[in-house]
Amino acid sequence: MASPLETLWTRLAGPADQGPVDFAHLQRRSVPNDALAASPGAASGKVDLALPVYADAPDALLRRLDAYVAGDGNIERVDDRANPTYRRYVVRTRLLRFPDTVDAEALPAEGGGALLRLYARSQLGKGDFGANAKRLARWAAGLAGI
C-alpha cells in the first residue's frame, strides 16, 4: 500500500515509474537531476561514472545487481521481466519517499563478459543534489564487492 507521501507525489507528478529509457537514443536532461554510468563504449554522450567491463555474462551481471538491491526496502523492480539483460527499478528516498527511476542494461562485451549502463533520473525537482550519481556509484561499488 502506498504511503500518503507516495500518493501525493503520484498526484502531483504521475506514476513513480517513468517507463523504460532507450539507451541507443538517450537524451540527458537539461536540469541536473539525472546520472549516467557506463562501461567503455556502452553509451554515447556525457557519462558521470565510468564502469568496468565485467567478467559475468550480461544476464548473470544483472542477476547480481538484483541480489545487491534486493535487501533495500526502498527499491522496487518495475520492468516486465521479459528481457533478461534489462532492469528498471523505482527507488524512493527514505524520509520523503521521492521517486527516482533507474534503468540498467547489460550488453555482451567483445571477447566475453559484459558492458553495463545505468541511468538514474528523478521524477520531481530540477536538481537532486547529486543523489542519482551517488546511488549509481554505490551500486557500482556493490557490484564490485559481490
C-alpha atoms as a PDB file:
ATOM      1  CA  MET A   1       0.000   0.000   0.000  1.00  0.00           C
ATOM      2  CA  ALA A   2       1.327   3.428  -0.919  1.00  0.00           C
ATOM      3  CA  SER A   3       2.233   5.839   1.836  1.00  0.00           C
ATOM      4  CA  PRO A   4       0.465   9.228   1.978  1.00  0.00           C
ATOM      5  CA  LEU A   5       3.621  10.882   0.586  1.00  0.00           C
ATOM      6  CA  GLU A   6       3.821   8.387  -2.279  1.00  0.00           C
ATOM      7  CA  THR A   7       0.172   9.122  -3.096  1.00  0.00           C
ATOM      8  CA  LEU A   8       0.888  12.861  -3.028  1.00  0.00           C
ATOM      9  CA  TRP A   9       3.863  12.558  -5.415  1.00  0.00           C
ATOM     10  CA  THR A  10       1.763  10.426  -7.779  1.00  0.00           C
ATOM     11  CA  ARG A  11      -0.994  13.028  -7.786  1.00  0.00           C
ATOM     12  CA  LEU A  12       1.482  15.846  -8.428  1.00  0.00           C
ATOM     13  CA  ALA A  13       3.780  14.211 -10.962  1.00  0.00           C
ATOM     14  CA  GLY A  14       2.204  10.974 -12.188  1.00  0.00           C
ATOM     15  CA  PRO A  15       3.313   7.371 -11.718  1.00  0.00           C
ATOM     16  CA  ALA A  16       6.647   6.828  -9.973  1.00  0.00           C
ATOM     17  CA  ASP A  17       7.803   4.532 -12.798  1.00  0.00           C
ATOM     18  CA  GLN A  18       8.916   6.843 -15.599  1.00  0.00           C
ATOM     19  CA  GLY A  19       8.999   3.981 -18.082  1.00  0.00           C
ATOM     20  CA  PRO A  20      11.899   2.470 -19.990  1.00  0.00           C
ATOM     21  CA  VAL A  21      14.719   4.545 -21.374  1.00  0.00           C
ATOM     22  CA  ASP A  22      16.074   3.953 -24.876  1.00  0.00           C
ATOM     23  CA  PHE A  23      19.824   3.845 -24.266  1.00  0.00           C
ATOM     24  CA  ALA A  24      20.545   3.976 -28.010  1.00  0.00           C
ATOM     25  CA  HIS A  25      18.867   7.395 -28.225  1.00  0.00           C
ATOM     26  CA  LEU A  26      19.323   8.645 -24.675  1.00  0.00           C
ATOM     27  CA  GLN A  27      18.878  12.384 -24.291  1.00  0.00           C
ATOM     28  CA  ARG A  28      20.246  13.620 -20.983  1.00  0.00           C
ATOM     29  CA  ARG A  29      18.150  16.128 -19.107  1.00  0.00           C
ATOM     30  CA  SER A  30      18.788  19.841 -19.237  1.00  0.00           C
ATOM     31  CA  VAL A  31      18.482  20.054 -15.437  1.00  0.00           C
ATOM     32  CA  PRO A  32      20.913  18.320 -13.060  1.00  0.00           C
ATOM     33  CA  ASN A  33      18.665  15.553 -11.756  1.00  0.00           C
ATOM     34  CA  ASP A  34      19.910  12.536 -13.666  1.00  0.00           C
ATOM     35  CA  ALA A  35      23.095  10.454 -13.821  1.00  0.00           C
ATOM     36  CA  LEU A  36      24.618   8.004 -16.294  1.00  0.00           C
ATOM     37  CA  ALA A  37      27.178   5.314 -15.539  1.00  0.00           C
ATOM     38  CA  ALA A  38      28.587   3.124 -18.314  1.00  0.00           C
ATOM     39  CA  SER A  39      31.325   0.701 -19.242  1.00  0.00           C
ATOM     40  CA  PRO A  40      33.687   1.839 -22.021  1.00  0.00           C
ATOM     41  CA  GLY A  41      31.844   2.143 -25.331  1.00  0.00           C
ATOM     42  CA  ALA A  42      28.435   1.298 -23.835  1.00  0.00           C
ATOM     43  CA  ALA A  43      26.989   4.815 -24.001  1.00  0.00           C
ATOM     44  CA  SER A  44      27.422   7.928 -26.058  1.00  0.00           C
ATOM     45  CA  GLY A  45      27.372  11.400 -24.597  1.00  0.00           C
ATOM     46  CA  LYS A  46      28.324  12.565 -21.130  1.00  0.00           C
ATOM     47  CA  VAL A  47      28.964   9.721 -18.681  1.00  0.00           C
ATOM     48  CA  ASP A  48      29.095  10.669 -14.997  1.00  0.00           C
ATOM     49  CA  LEU A  49      30.714   7.444 -13.782  1.00  0.00           C
ATOM     50  CA  ALA A  50      32.938   5.064 -15.731  1.00  0.00           C
ATOM     51  CA  LEU A  51      32.178   1.407 -15.084  1.00  0.00           C
ATOM     52  CA  PRO A  52      34.474  -1.520 -15.860  1.00  0.00           C
ATOM     53  CA  VAL A  53      33.987  -4.382 -18.278  1.00  0.00           C
ATOM     54  CA  TYR A  54      32.562  -7.160 -16.106  1.00  0.00           C
ATOM     55  CA  ALA A  55      33.605 -10.818 -16.293  1.00  0.00           C
ATOM     56  CA  ASP A  56      29.989 -12.005 -15.988  1.00  0.00           C
ATOM     57  CA  ALA A  57      27.673 -12.772 -18.869  1.00  0.00           C
ATOM     58  CA  PRO A  58      25.116  -9.945 -19.260  1.00  0.00           C
ATOM     59  CA  ASP A  59      22.186 -11.830 -17.679  1.00  0.00           C
ATOM     60  CA  ALA A  60      24.353 -13.036 -14.785  1.00  0.00           C
ATOM     61  CA  LEU A  61      25.571  -9.481 -14.127  1.00  0.00           C
ATOM     62  CA  LEU A  62      22.015  -8.221 -13.808  1.00  0.00           C
ATOM     63  CA  ARG A  63      21.091 -11.110 -11.507  1.00  0.00           C
ATOM     64  CA  ARG A  64      23.949  -9.915  -9.282  1.00  0.00           C
ATOM     65  CA  LEU A  65      22.528  -6.404  -9.426  1.00  0.00           C
ATOM     66  CA  ASP A  66      19.126  -7.791  -8.400  1.00  0.00           C
ATOM     67  CA  ALA A  67      20.788  -9.528  -5.435  1.00  0.00           C
ATOM     68  CA  TYR A  68      22.538  -6.317  -4.413  1.00  0.00           C
ATOM     69  CA  VAL A  69      19.387  -4.165  -4.421  1.00  0.00           C
ATOM     70  CA  ALA A  70      17.057  -6.879  -3.070  1.00  0.00           C
ATOM     71  CA  GLY A  71      17.718  -6.067   0.573  1.00  0.00           C
ATOM     72  CA  ASP A  72      16.701  -2.425   0.231  1.00  0.00           C
ATOM     73  CA  GLY A  73      13.006  -1.957   1.027  1.00  0.00           C
ATOM     74  CA  ASN A  74      13.025   1.354  -0.846  1.00  0.00           C
ATOM     75  CA  ILE A  75      13.714  -0.266  -4.223  1.00  0.00           C
ATOM     76  CA  GLU A  76      11.100  -1.991  -6.375  1.00  0.00           C
ATOM     77  CA  ARG A  77      11.754  -3.706  -9.691  1.00  0.00           C
ATOM     78  CA  VAL A  78       9.106  -2.464 -12.139  1.00  0.00           C
ATOM     79  CA  ASP A  79      10.051  -3.727 -15.622  1.00  0.00           C
ATOM     80  CA  ASP A  80       8.035  -6.552 -17.202  1.00  0.00           C
ATOM     81  CA  ARG A  81      10.938  -9.039 -16.790  1.00  0.00           C
ATOM     82  CA  ALA A  82      10.729 -10.004 -20.466  1.00  0.00           C
ATOM     83  CA  ASN A  83      14.372  -9.120 -21.224  1.00  0.00           C
ATOM     84  CA  PRO A  84      16.995 -10.896 -19.068  1.00  0.00           C
ATOM     85  CA  THR A  85      19.565  -8.182 -19.802  1.00  0.00           C
ATOM     86  CA  TYR A  86      17.417  -5.204 -18.756  1.00  0.00           C
ATOM     87  CA  ARG A  87      16.074  -3.973 -15.415  1.00  0.00           C
ATOM     88  CA  ARG A  88      14.079  -0.948 -14.291  1.00  0.00           C
ATOM     89  CA  TYR A  89      13.668  -0.007 -10.660  1.00  0.00           C
ATOM     90  CA  VAL A  90      11.785   2.682  -8.764  1.00  0.00           C
ATOM     91  CA  VAL A  91      13.906   3.886  -5.868  1.00  0.00           C
ATOM     92  CA  ARG A  92      12.392   6.027  -3.126  1.00  0.00           C
ATOM     93  CA  THR A  93      14.148   8.256  -0.635  1.00  0.00           C
ATOM     94  CA  ARG A  94      13.728   7.003   2.909  1.00  0.00           C
ATOM     95  CA  LEU A  95      12.167  10.029   4.548  1.00  0.00           C
ATOM     96  CA  LEU A  96      10.135  11.929   1.953  1.00  0.00           C
ATOM     97  CA  ARG A  97       9.605   8.966  -0.437  1.00  0.00           C
ATOM     98  CA  PHE A  98      10.645  10.936  -3.542  1.00  0.00           C
ATOM     99  CA  PRO A  99      10.691   8.513  -6.517  1.00  0.00           C
ATOM    100  CA  ASP A 100      13.581   8.043  -8.914  1.00  0.00           C
ATOM    101  CA  THR A 101      13.710   5.590 -11.817  1.00  0.00           C
ATOM    102  CA  VAL A 102      16.879   3.607 -12.517  1.00  0.00           C
ATOM    103  CA  ASP A 103      17.369   1.656 -15.748  1.00  0.00           C
ATOM    104  CA  ALA A 104      20.079  -0.984 -16.064  1.00  0.00           C
ATOM    105  CA  GLU A 105      21.150  -2.749 -19.220  1.00  0.00           C
ATOM    106  CA  ALA A 106      23.968  -5.227 -19.761  1.00  0.00           C
ATOM    107  CA  LEU A 107      25.465  -5.904 -23.174  1.00  0.00           C
ATOM    108  CA  PRO A 108      27.895  -8.557 -24.344  1.00  0.00           C
ATOM    109  CA  ALA A 109      31.473  -7.307 -24.379  1.00  0.00           C
ATOM    110  CA  GLU A 110      33.786  -8.090 -27.236  1.00  0.00           C
ATOM    111  CA  GLY A 111      35.875 -11.051 -26.124  1.00  0.00           C
ATOM    112  CA  GLY A 112      33.419 -12.076 -23.396  1.00  0.00           C
ATOM    113  CA  GLY A 113      31.965 -10.565 -20.276  1.00  0.00           C
ATOM    114  CA  ALA A 114      29.539  -7.673 -20.127  1.00  0.00           C
ATOM    115  CA  LEU A 115      29.281  -3.941 -20.504  1.00  0.00           C
ATOM    116  CA  LEU A 116      26.878  -2.189 -18.171  1.00  0.00           C
ATOM    117  CA  ARG A 117      24.944   1.031 -18.430  1.00  0.00           C
ATOM    118  CA  LEU A 118      22.917   2.541 -15.619  1.00  0.00           C
ATOM    119  CA  TYR A 119      20.723   5.618 -15.923  1.00  0.00           C
ATOM    120  CA  ALA A 120      19.033   7.199 -12.902  1.00  0.00           C
ATOM    121  CA  ARG A 121      16.584  10.081 -13.099  1.00  0.00           C
ATOM    122  CA  SER A 122      14.475  11.955 -10.605  1.00  0.00           C
ATOM    123  CA  GLN A 123      10.787  12.403 -11.158  1.00  0.00           C
ATOM    124  CA  LEU A 124      10.474  15.559  -9.072  1.00  0.00           C
ATOM    125  CA  GLY A 125      12.538  18.720  -8.917  1.00  0.00           C
ATOM    126  CA  LYS A 126      15.142  20.348 -11.094  1.00  0.00           C
ATOM    127  CA  GLY A 127      18.107  19.163  -9.066  1.00  0.00           C
ATOM    128  CA  ASP A 128      18.843  16.161  -6.902  1.00  0.00           C
ATOM    129  CA  PHE A 129      21.965  17.349  -5.022  1.00  0.00           C
ATOM    130  CA  GLY A 130      23.921  14.565  -6.742  1.00  0.00           C
ATOM    131  CA  ALA A 131      21.734  11.804  -5.270  1.00  0.00           C
ATOM    132  CA  ASN A 132      21.417   9.834  -8.517  1.00  0.00           C
ATOM    133  CA  ALA A 133      25.164   9.942  -9.211  1.00  0.00           C
ATOM    134  CA  LYS A 134      25.888   8.821  -5.640  1.00  0.00           C
ATOM    135  CA  ARG A 135      23.381   5.993  -5.961  1.00  0.00           C
ATOM    136  CA  LEU A 136      24.987   4.715  -9.160  1.00  0.00           C
ATOM    137  CA  ALA A 137      28.420   4.894  -7.523  1.00  0.00           C
ATOM    138  CA  ARG A 138      27.089   2.822  -4.580  1.00  0.00           C
ATOM    139  CA  TRP A 139      25.577   0.277  -6.910  1.00  0.00           C
ATOM    140  CA  ALA A 140      28.820   0.013  -8.888  1.00  0.00           C
ATOM    141  CA  ALA A 141      30.773  -0.472  -5.660  1.00  0.00           C
ATOM    142  CA  GLY A 142      28.241  -3.066  -4.554  1.00  0.00           C
ATOM    143  CA  LEU A 143      28.684  -4.994  -7.800  1.00  0.00           C
ATOM    144  CA  ALA A 144      32.449  -4.862  -7.341  1.00  0.00           C
ATOM    145  CA  GLY A 145      32.049  -6.332  -3.842  1.00  0.00           C
ATOM    146  CA  ILE A 146      29.700  -9.204  -4.757  1.00  0.00           C
END
